Amino acid sequence: MGYLPTLIQIQQKRVPVNVQCPIYLNGEESITHCLVNCPFARMCWDIVLPDAQVSQIGTFEGWLGEVFQRNNHNKCAEVVTVCWAIWRHRNDVVWNKRYSNVNRVVALAKQYLLQWKFAQVNYSNASSRCEVQGDGAITWVRPQGNSIKVTVDAALFTDRNEYGVGLVARDAQGQVVAARTRCYMGMVAVEIAEAIAIREALSWIKDHDWQEVQLESDCLAAVQGIRSKVEMRSSFGRVVEECRCQLRLSNSLSLSFIKRSANTVAHCFARASYKYPDHSFSRADIPTEFLDCILLESSNE
């Protein structure tokens, strides 16, 4: 519709602004420049549409129309989502002074599209149902009997170019049985980090002699991806498949989705993982910085 609030559009509304591209400072920021001609956008399209003629386009609408004519439905959906991710990155630069790399922006777009596709699943079809009873808890709930509940979370440390995971196992009395933190170099999309946290938890659970375990994550995309049978040829898909394989080997392990409010303890451990990059905690040596969070979450049950 031509309504994207680029700097040229804002200037046309008689707002006195500098219309230079805020990312590369190499031209006026029109819709076409922002989404297609900007060097950052071009690098994105080199990955998604390597055969597209970006340099010879007229209007954005004309370029998009040609893309739609030449590609199938799935590729067109990907193109639209990449446009959204490019604009989102532009806003991160303008408002937060936060720059990202091209591969991460494209990966974000593809992962967002995957989440959208999951959201379109027909939940009346039992074979494709992604939600199970017990999902969506808003407070942490103690496990029953002799079972163990393991909550997991991930955290991104963009300023350090690292990401970390936190795993916490608690018993029916709400006591921490064990905890684990790990930190990894590099940056990945948040959904990949959350899936890696689940994969790490599955391996960790296997190393303990726990008879019955409830595993919980607050990342709906990761939980749905692991439960589904959809083949995903991506970095996220590879981690998901590893989780599926480990779950198939266990009859006493369940995976559930919970809200962030029910996962504050694992979140605290994940946020502190850069201080404890590869550490296992027993009940006796939990750092005091986590005790208040553990007590608060247990009291909210």
Protein backbone atom coordinates (compact mmCIF):
# COMPACT_ATOMS: atom_id res chain seq x y z
CA MET A 1 0.00 0.00 0.00
CA GLY A 2 3.04 2.31 0.17
CA TYR A 3 2.44 3.16 3.85
CA LEU A 4 5.65 1.79 5.39
CA PRO A 5 6.99 4.71 7.52
CA THR A 6 10.42 5.02 5.95
CA LEU A 7 12.21 8.36 6.25
CA ILE A 8 11.06 9.45 2.78
CA GLN A 9 7.45 8.68 3.74
CA ILE A 10 7.84 10.64 6.97
CA GLN A 11 9.35 13.60 5.12
CA GLN A 12 6.37 13.59 2.76
CA LYS A 13 4.20 14.08 5.85
CA ARG A 14 6.12 17.36 6.37
CA VAL A 15 8.22 16.07 9.24
CA PRO A 16 11.74 17.58 9.06
CA VAL A 17 13.97 14.47 9.09
CA ASN A 18 17.25 13.41 7.53
CA VAL A 19 16.17 10.89 4.88
CA GLN A 20 19.55 9.16 4.55
CA CYS A 21 19.51 5.36 4.99
CA PRO A 22 20.19 4.76 8.72
CA ILE A 23 22.06 1.48 8.12
CA TYR A 24 24.59 2.19 5.37
CA LEU A 25 24.10 5.96 4.90
CA ASN A 26 24.26 5.38 1.16
CA GLY A 27 20.99 6.78 -0.18
CA GLU A 28 17.55 8.09 0.66
CA GLU A 29 15.43 5.65 2.62
CA SER A 30 12.46 4.90 0.41
CA ILE A 31 10.46 1.68 0.69
CA THR A 32 12.31 0.24 -2.30
CA HIS A 33 15.70 1.18 -0.88
CA CYS A 34 14.93 -0.13 2.61
CA LEU A 35 13.49 -3.51 1.60
CA VAL A 36 15.40 -4.24 -1.61
CA ASN A 37 18.23 -1.91 -2.66
CA CYS A 38 19.99 -1.28 0.65
CA PRO A 39 23.22 -3.36 0.74
CA PHE A 40 21.96 -5.14 3.85
CA ALA A 41 18.68 -6.06 2.12
CA ARG A 42 20.57 -7.17 -1.00
CA MET A 43 22.69 -9.57 1.05
CA CYS A 44 19.47 -11.04 2.48
CA TRP A 45 18.05 -11.52 -1.02
CA ASP A 46 21.31 -13.11 -2.18
CA ILE A 47 20.51 -15.88 0.30
CA VAL A 48 16.75 -16.15 -0.27
CA LEU A 49 16.50 -15.22 -3.97
CA PRO A 50 19.98 -15.71 -5.48
CA ASP A 51 18.65 -15.33 -9.06
CA ALA A 52 16.65 -12.13 -8.48
CA GLN A 53 17.63 -8.99 -10.41
CA VAL A 54 17.67 -6.52 -7.54
CA SER A 55 19.65 -3.70 -9.15
CA GLN A 56 17.22 -3.16 -12.06
CA ILE A 57 13.93 -2.83 -10.21
CA GLY A 58 11.60 0.16 -10.40
CA THR A 59 9.07 0.16 -7.59
CA PHE A 60 8.88 -2.21 -4.67
CA GLU A 61 5.38 -3.22 -5.75
CA GLY A 62 6.65 -4.11 -9.21
CA TRP A 63 9.56 -6.11 -7.86
CA LEU A 64 7.35 -8.02 -5.44
CA GLY A 65 4.84 -8.76 -8.20
CA GLU A 66 7.58 -10.30 -10.36
CA VAL A 67 8.82 -12.36 -7.41
CA PHE A 68 5.29 -13.68 -6.83
CA GLN A 69 4.91 -14.63 -10.50
CA ARG A 70 8.17 -16.57 -10.61
CA ASN A 71 7.94 -18.49 -7.33
CA ASN A 72 5.68 -20.97 -5.59
CA HIS A 73 3.48 -20.27 -2.58
CA ASN A 74 6.06 -21.35 0.03
CA LYS A 75 8.81 -19.18 -1.43
CA CYS A 76 6.45 -16.18 -1.66
CA ALA A 77 5.58 -16.61 2.01
CA GLU A 78 9.30 -16.69 2.81
CA VAL A 79 9.89 -13.50 0.79
CA VAL A 80 7.16 -11.63 2.69
CA THR A 81 8.58 -12.77 6.02
CA VAL A 82 12.11 -11.72 5.05
CA CYS A 83 10.73 -8.25 4.21
CA TRP A 84 9.28 -8.14 7.73
CA ALA A 85 12.64 -9.23 9.22
CA ILE A 86 14.56 -6.59 7.24
CA TRP A 87 12.21 -3.88 8.52
CA ARG A 88 12.48 -5.24 12.05
CA HIS A 89 16.27 -5.09 11.85
CA ARG A 90 16.05 -1.53 10.50
CA ASN A 91 13.98 -0.52 13.54
CA ASP A 92 16.48 -2.21 15.88
CA VAL A 93 19.21 -0.08 14.33
CA VAL A 94 17.19 3.16 14.47
CA TRP A 95 15.71 2.82 17.95
CA ASN A 96 18.13 0.54 19.83
CA LYS A 97 21.43 1.02 17.93
CA ARG A 98 21.50 -2.77 17.68
CA TYR A 99 22.97 -4.27 14.52
CA SER A 100 22.62 -7.89 13.47
CA ASN A 101 24.14 -10.00 10.70
CA VAL A 102 22.43 -11.05 7.51
CA ASN A 103 22.36 -14.78 8.28
CA ARG A 104 20.66 -14.18 11.60
CA VAL A 105 18.00 -11.92 10.09
CA VAL A 106 17.18 -14.50 7.40
CA ALA A 107 17.12 -17.29 10.00
CA LEU A 108 14.76 -15.22 12.16
CA ALA A 109 12.42 -14.77 9.20
CA LYS A 110 12.36 -18.49 8.39
CA GLN A 111 11.80 -19.42 12.02
CA TYR A 112 8.98 -16.88 12.38
CA LEU A 113 7.34 -18.33 9.27
CA LEU A 114 7.65 -21.81 10.74
CA GLN A 115 5.91 -20.64 13.92
CA TRP A 116 3.13 -19.11 11.85
CA LYS A 117 2.64 -22.39 9.98
CA PHE A 118 2.41 -24.25 13.27
CA ALA A 119 -0.24 -21.75 14.40
CA GLN A 120 -2.35 -22.68 11.37
CA VAL A 121 -2.48 -26.35 12.31
CA ASN A 122 -6.04 -27.69 12.44
CA TYR A 123 -6.27 -28.65 16.10
CA SER A 124 -9.41 -30.71 15.48
CA ASN A 125 -7.20 -33.23 13.68
CA ALA A 126 -5.79 -35.42 16.41
CA SER A 127 -2.87 -36.58 14.30
CA SER A 128 -1.56 -33.05 13.94
CA ARG A 129 -2.50 -31.78 17.36
CA CYS A 130 0.42 -29.80 18.90
CA GLU A 131 -1.17 -29.03 22.25
CA VAL A 132 -1.70 -31.55 25.04
CA GLN A 133 -3.41 -31.55 28.39
CA GLY A 134 -1.28 -29.77 30.97
CA ASP A 135 0.17 -27.21 28.57
CA GLY A 136 0.12 -23.50 29.39
CA ALA A 137 0.63 -23.57 33.17
CA ILE A 138 1.11 -20.02 34.49
CA THR A 139 2.70 -21.05 37.81
CA TRP A 140 5.18 -23.78 38.67
CA VAL A 141 3.47 -26.93 39.98
CA ARG A 142 5.20 -29.63 42.03
CA PRO A 143 5.47 -33.08 40.45
CA GLN A 144 3.53 -35.95 42.00
CA GLY A 145 4.92 -38.95 43.88
CA ASN A 146 8.47 -39.92 43.03
CA SER A 147 8.62 -38.08 39.73
CA ILE A 148 11.05 -35.26 38.97
CA LYS A 149 10.20 -32.04 37.18
CA VAL A 150 12.90 -30.45 35.01
CA THR A 151 12.41 -26.90 33.75
CA VAL A 152 14.67 -25.47 31.04
CA ASP A 153 15.37 -22.05 29.54
CA ALA A 154 17.87 -20.29 27.30
CA ALA A 155 19.34 -16.79 27.27
CA LEU A 156 21.11 -14.79 24.56
CA PHE A 157 24.07 -12.56 25.41
CA THR A 158 24.44 -10.48 22.26
CA ASP A 159 27.07 -8.17 23.73
CA ARG A 160 29.26 -11.19 24.49
CA ASN A 161 28.43 -13.13 21.31
CA GLU A 162 27.30 -16.04 23.49
CA TYR A 163 24.16 -17.87 24.55
CA GLY A 164 23.49 -20.11 27.53
CA VAL A 165 21.04 -22.62 28.97
CA GLY A 166 19.75 -23.36 32.45
CA LEU A 167 18.28 -26.66 33.68
CA VAL A 168 16.66 -27.19 37.07
CA ALA A 169 15.36 -30.48 38.52
CA ARG A 170 13.00 -30.44 41.51
CA ASP A 171 11.14 -33.12 43.46
CA ALA A 172 7.63 -33.40 44.91
CA GLN A 173 8.65 -31.30 47.94
CA GLY A 174 9.72 -28.47 45.64
CA GLN A 175 13.38 -28.98 46.56
CA VAL A 176 16.09 -28.55 43.94
CA VAL A 177 17.60 -31.98 43.27
CA ALA A 178 20.17 -30.77 40.76
CA ALA A 179 20.79 -27.91 38.35
CA ARG A 180 22.96 -27.36 35.29
CA THR A 181 24.25 -24.41 33.29
CA ARG A 182 26.11 -24.29 29.99
CA CYS A 183 27.32 -21.44 27.82
CA TYR A 184 28.09 -21.55 24.09
CA MET A 185 30.10 -19.25 21.84
CA GLY A 186 28.37 -17.62 18.87
CA MET A 187 24.84 -16.42 18.25
CA VAL A 188 21.75 -18.37 17.17
CA ALA A 189 18.06 -17.57 16.86
CA VAL A 190 16.25 -17.72 20.19
CA GLU A 191 14.18 -20.76 19.11
CA ILE A 192 17.36 -22.68 18.30
CA ALA A 193 18.82 -21.79 21.70
CA GLU A 194 15.62 -22.98 23.41
CA ALA A 195 15.67 -26.25 21.43
CA ILE A 196 19.34 -26.75 22.38
CA ALA A 197 18.31 -26.26 26.03
CA ILE A 198 15.77 -29.07 25.67
CA ARG A 199 18.34 -31.29 23.93
CA GLU A 200 20.83 -30.59 26.74
CA ALA A 201 18.17 -31.41 29.33
CA LEU A 202 17.33 -34.73 27.64
CA SER A 203 20.99 -35.80 27.76
CA TRP A 204 21.27 -34.57 31.35
CA ILE A 205 18.18 -36.53 32.40
CA LYS A 206 19.58 -39.67 30.76
CA ASP A 207 22.71 -39.38 32.93
CA HIS A 208 20.61 -39.50 36.14
CA ASP A 209 18.69 -42.38 37.63
CA TRP A 210 15.33 -40.60 37.62
CA GLN A 211 12.47 -43.02 37.01
CA GLU A 212 9.81 -40.57 35.84
CA VAL A 213 10.51 -37.06 34.55
CA GLN A 214 8.32 -34.15 33.44
CA LEU A 215 10.29 -31.79 31.17
CA GLU A 216 8.95 -28.24 30.74
CA SER A 217 9.93 -25.37 28.44
CA ASP A 218 8.40 -21.93 27.88
CA CYS A 219 9.28 -21.96 24.15
CA LEU A 220 6.11 -22.97 22.31
CA ALA A 221 7.85 -23.16 18.93
CA ALA A 222 10.42 -25.65 20.24
CA VAL A 223 7.82 -27.80 22.01
CA GLN A 224 5.52 -27.85 18.99
CA GLY A 225 8.40 -28.57 16.64
CA ILE A 226 9.54 -31.56 18.70
CA ARG A 227 6.02 -32.94 18.96
CA SER A 228 5.21 -32.54 15.29
CA LYS A 229 6.20 -34.89 12.48
CA VAL A 230 7.08 -32.10 10.08
CA GLU A 231 10.53 -32.46 8.53
CA MET A 232 12.45 -29.19 8.89
CA ARG A 233 15.63 -28.75 6.87
CA SER A 234 17.24 -26.05 8.97
CA SER A 235 19.52 -25.62 11.96
CA PHE A 236 16.43 -25.55 14.15
CA GLY A 237 15.14 -28.70 12.46
CA ARG A 238 18.36 -30.61 13.13
CA VAL A 239 18.21 -29.86 16.86
CA VAL A 240 14.50 -30.73 16.92
CA GLU A 241 15.17 -34.10 15.28
CA GLU A 242 17.84 -34.91 17.87
CA CYS A 243 15.30 -34.15 20.62
CA ARG A 244 12.69 -36.33 18.93
CA CYS A 245 15.12 -39.26 18.78
CA GLN A 246 15.95 -38.97 22.49
CA LEU A 247 12.28 -38.73 23.46
CA ARG A 248 11.45 -41.85 21.45
CA LEU A 249 13.94 -43.81 23.55
CA SER A 250 12.14 -43.03 26.81
CA ASN A 251 8.69 -44.17 27.98
CA SER A 252 8.88 -42.30 31.30
CA LEU A 253 9.56 -38.80 30.01
CA SER A 254 7.01 -36.15 29.00
CA LEU A 255 7.49 -32.73 27.42
CA SER A 256 5.17 -29.81 28.18
CA PHE A 257 4.85 -26.13 27.37
CA ILE A 258 4.57 -23.66 30.25
CA LYS A 259 4.29 -19.88 30.40
CA ARG A 260 7.34 -17.77 31.28
CA SER A 261 5.76 -16.99 34.67
CA ALA A 262 6.06 -20.69 35.54
CA ASN A 263 9.71 -20.86 34.50
CA THR A 264 11.44 -18.13 36.48
CA VAL A 265 14.00 -20.38 38.22
CA ALA A 266 15.31 -21.95 35.01
CA HIS A 267 15.37 -18.44 33.53
CA CYS A 268 17.57 -17.22 36.40
CA PHE A 269 20.01 -20.06 35.85
CA ALA A 270 20.08 -19.42 32.09
CA ARG A 271 20.74 -15.70 32.63
CA ALA A 272 23.66 -16.58 34.93
CA SER A 273 25.13 -19.23 32.64
CA TYR A 274 27.89 -16.88 31.40
CA LYS A 275 29.18 -16.79 35.01
CA TYR A 276 28.89 -20.58 35.30
CA PRO A 277 29.69 -21.64 31.71
CA ASP A 278 29.82 -25.39 32.38
CA HIS A 279 28.65 -26.15 35.88
CA SER A 280 26.58 -28.81 37.65
CA PHE A 281 24.96 -27.94 40.97
CA SER A 282 23.82 -30.29 43.70
CA ARG A 283 21.20 -29.47 46.32
CA ALA A 284 23.94 -28.51 48.77
CA ASP A 285 25.84 -26.03 46.61
CA ILE A 286 23.15 -23.90 44.95
CA PRO A 287 24.54 -20.31 44.89
CA THR A 288 22.75 -17.92 47.20
CA GLU A 289 21.85 -15.65 44.26
CA PHE A 290 19.27 -18.24 43.14
CA LEU A 291 17.66 -18.99 46.51
CA ASP A 292 15.19 -16.10 46.55
CA CYS A 293 13.98 -16.96 43.05
CA ILE A 294 13.52 -20.63 43.99
CA LEU A 295 11.62 -19.71 47.16
CA LEU A 296 9.39 -17.21 45.31
CA GLU A 297 8.46 -19.62 42.54
CA SER A 298 7.65 -22.36 45.04
CA SER A 299 5.51 -20.01 47.10
CA ASN A 300 3.49 -18.98 44.00
CA GLU A 301 2.39 -22.57 43.43
